[in-house]
Amino acid sequence: MQYRQHRYATQFPIKLSTPAGVFECSVIDVNNTGARLAGAGQLARGDKVAFQVLNHRAEAIVRWVSGTRAGVTFRPHLNDIQVDTLRYRRDRGNYHQHHAGGLHYREMR
């Protein structure tokens, strides 16, 4: 049995660049090494895809496709702050800077 690092559930909207064009879809779970996408459009195993997170181009390879869902592996892996952003987590790293009204966005538990 192959171990896979825990993935965090989310609903992060992205514009996914694929060989078939650009599609609006969502990251529905994520970790540093990969993600599951929903609404990804026309994808095939082995496709190279990309999207923006924190002004950084996240590049990935499609590992599986089932209907409009797909699993991808990031190449190179995402850093912790990029993963936290995709999780809507704003309480790590540089996010302690100037928040409106002193409010911080916290991860929902």
Protein backbone atom coordinates (compact mmCIF):
# COMPACT_ATOMS: atom_id res chain seq x y z
CA MET A 1 0.00 0.00 0.00
CA GLN A 2 1.35 3.42 -0.97
CA TYR A 3 1.13 6.21 1.62
CA ARG A 4 -0.39 9.53 0.54
CA GLN A 5 -0.01 12.63 2.70
CA HIS A 6 -3.30 13.95 4.17
CA ARG A 7 -5.19 16.34 1.93
CA TYR A 8 -7.19 19.29 3.30
CA ALA A 9 -10.76 19.81 2.11
CA THR A 10 -11.48 23.17 0.48
CA GLN A 11 -13.54 24.88 -2.23
CA PHE A 12 -11.01 27.21 -3.85
CA PRO A 13 -12.00 28.55 -7.30
CA ILE A 14 -9.25 28.61 -9.95
CA LYS A 15 -8.78 29.18 -13.67
CA LEU A 16 -7.06 26.03 -14.87
CA SER A 17 -4.90 26.23 -18.00
CA THR A 18 -5.08 22.91 -19.87
CA PRO A 19 -4.14 21.64 -23.35
CA ALA A 20 -7.85 22.05 -24.27
CA GLY A 21 -8.11 25.66 -23.03
CA VAL A 22 -8.79 27.53 -19.78
CA PHE A 23 -11.54 26.26 -17.46
CA GLU A 24 -13.02 27.68 -14.27
CA CYS A 25 -13.03 24.92 -11.70
CA SER A 26 -12.35 24.33 -8.00
CA VAL A 27 -9.64 22.76 -5.89
CA ILE A 28 -11.61 20.47 -3.55
CA ASP A 29 -8.71 19.02 -1.58
CA VAL A 30 -5.04 19.89 -1.46
CA ASN A 31 -1.63 19.25 0.10
CA ASN A 32 1.92 20.15 -0.90
CA THR A 33 2.21 17.31 -3.43
CA GLY A 34 -1.19 17.28 -5.14
CA ALA A 35 -4.86 18.16 -5.31
CA ARG A 36 -8.26 16.98 -6.44
CA LEU A 37 -10.12 19.25 -8.85
CA ALA A 38 -13.83 19.49 -9.64
CA GLY A 39 -15.33 20.89 -12.86
CA ALA A 40 -12.02 20.63 -14.66
CA GLY A 41 -13.46 20.08 -18.15
CA GLN A 42 -11.71 18.00 -20.77
CA LEU A 43 -8.66 16.45 -19.13
CA ALA A 44 -6.74 13.26 -19.78
CA ARG A 45 -4.21 11.39 -17.68
CA GLY A 46 -0.74 12.84 -18.34
CA ASP A 47 -1.97 16.34 -19.30
CA LYS A 48 0.13 19.21 -18.00
CA VAL A 49 -2.02 21.87 -16.30
CA ALA A 50 -1.38 25.10 -14.39
CA PHE A 51 -3.09 27.79 -12.31
CA GLN A 52 -2.10 30.84 -10.25
CA VAL A 53 -1.77 30.86 -6.46
CA LEU A 54 -0.13 33.82 -4.67
CA ASN A 55 1.16 35.22 -7.98
CA HIS A 56 2.97 31.92 -8.54
CA ARG A 57 2.24 29.53 -11.36
CA ALA A 58 1.37 26.15 -9.86
CA GLU A 59 2.13 23.45 -12.43
CA ALA A 60 0.80 19.91 -12.22
CA ILE A 61 0.38 16.64 -14.07
CA VAL A 62 -3.02 14.95 -14.25
CA ARG A 63 -2.82 11.50 -12.60
CA TRP A 64 -6.45 10.39 -12.92
CA VAL A 65 -9.77 11.59 -14.32
CA SER A 66 -13.30 10.54 -13.37
CA GLY A 67 -16.09 12.55 -15.01
CA THR A 68 -15.39 16.21 -14.24
CA ARG A 69 -13.06 15.40 -11.33
CA ALA A 70 -9.33 14.92 -11.61
CA GLY A 71 -6.33 14.27 -9.38
CA VAL A 72 -3.10 16.17 -10.02
CA THR A 73 0.47 16.02 -8.75
CA PHE A 74 2.31 19.34 -8.39
CA ARG A 75 5.69 19.71 -10.10
CA PRO A 76 7.40 21.32 -8.21
CA HIS A 77 5.53 20.83 -4.92
CA LEU A 78 3.68 23.79 -3.41
CA ASN A 79 5.07 25.49 -0.31
CA ASP A 80 3.10 25.63 2.97
CA ILE A 81 1.86 29.20 2.43
CA GLN A 82 0.50 28.33 -1.01
CA VAL A 83 -1.31 25.31 0.45
CA ASP A 84 -2.69 27.45 3.29
CA THR A 85 -3.97 29.96 0.73
CA LEU A 86 -5.75 27.21 -1.20
CA ARG A 87 -7.28 26.12 2.13
CA TYR A 88 -8.46 29.74 2.76
CA ARG A 89 -6.19 29.80 5.78
CA ARG A 90 -4.93 33.30 6.51
CA ASP A 91 -3.36 32.89 9.95
CA ARG A 92 0.13 31.72 8.92
CA GLY A 93 3.28 33.32 7.59
CA ASN A 94 3.00 36.85 6.24
CA TYR A 95 -0.77 37.03 6.79
CA HIS A 96 -0.34 38.61 10.23
CA GLN A 97 0.15 41.94 8.49
CA HIS A 98 -2.48 44.71 8.45
CA HIS A 99 -5.93 43.15 8.62
CA ALA A 100 -8.93 45.43 8.30
CA GLY A 101 -10.33 46.35 11.70
CA GLY A 102 -7.81 44.08 13.42
CA LEU A 103 -9.76 41.02 12.34
CA HIS A 104 -7.97 37.87 11.23
CA TYR A 105 -9.39 35.18 8.99
CA ARG A 106 -9.17 31.88 10.85
CA GLU A 107 -9.43 28.36 9.62
CA MET A 108 -12.91 27.00 10.30
CA ARG A 109 -12.91 23.91 12.45
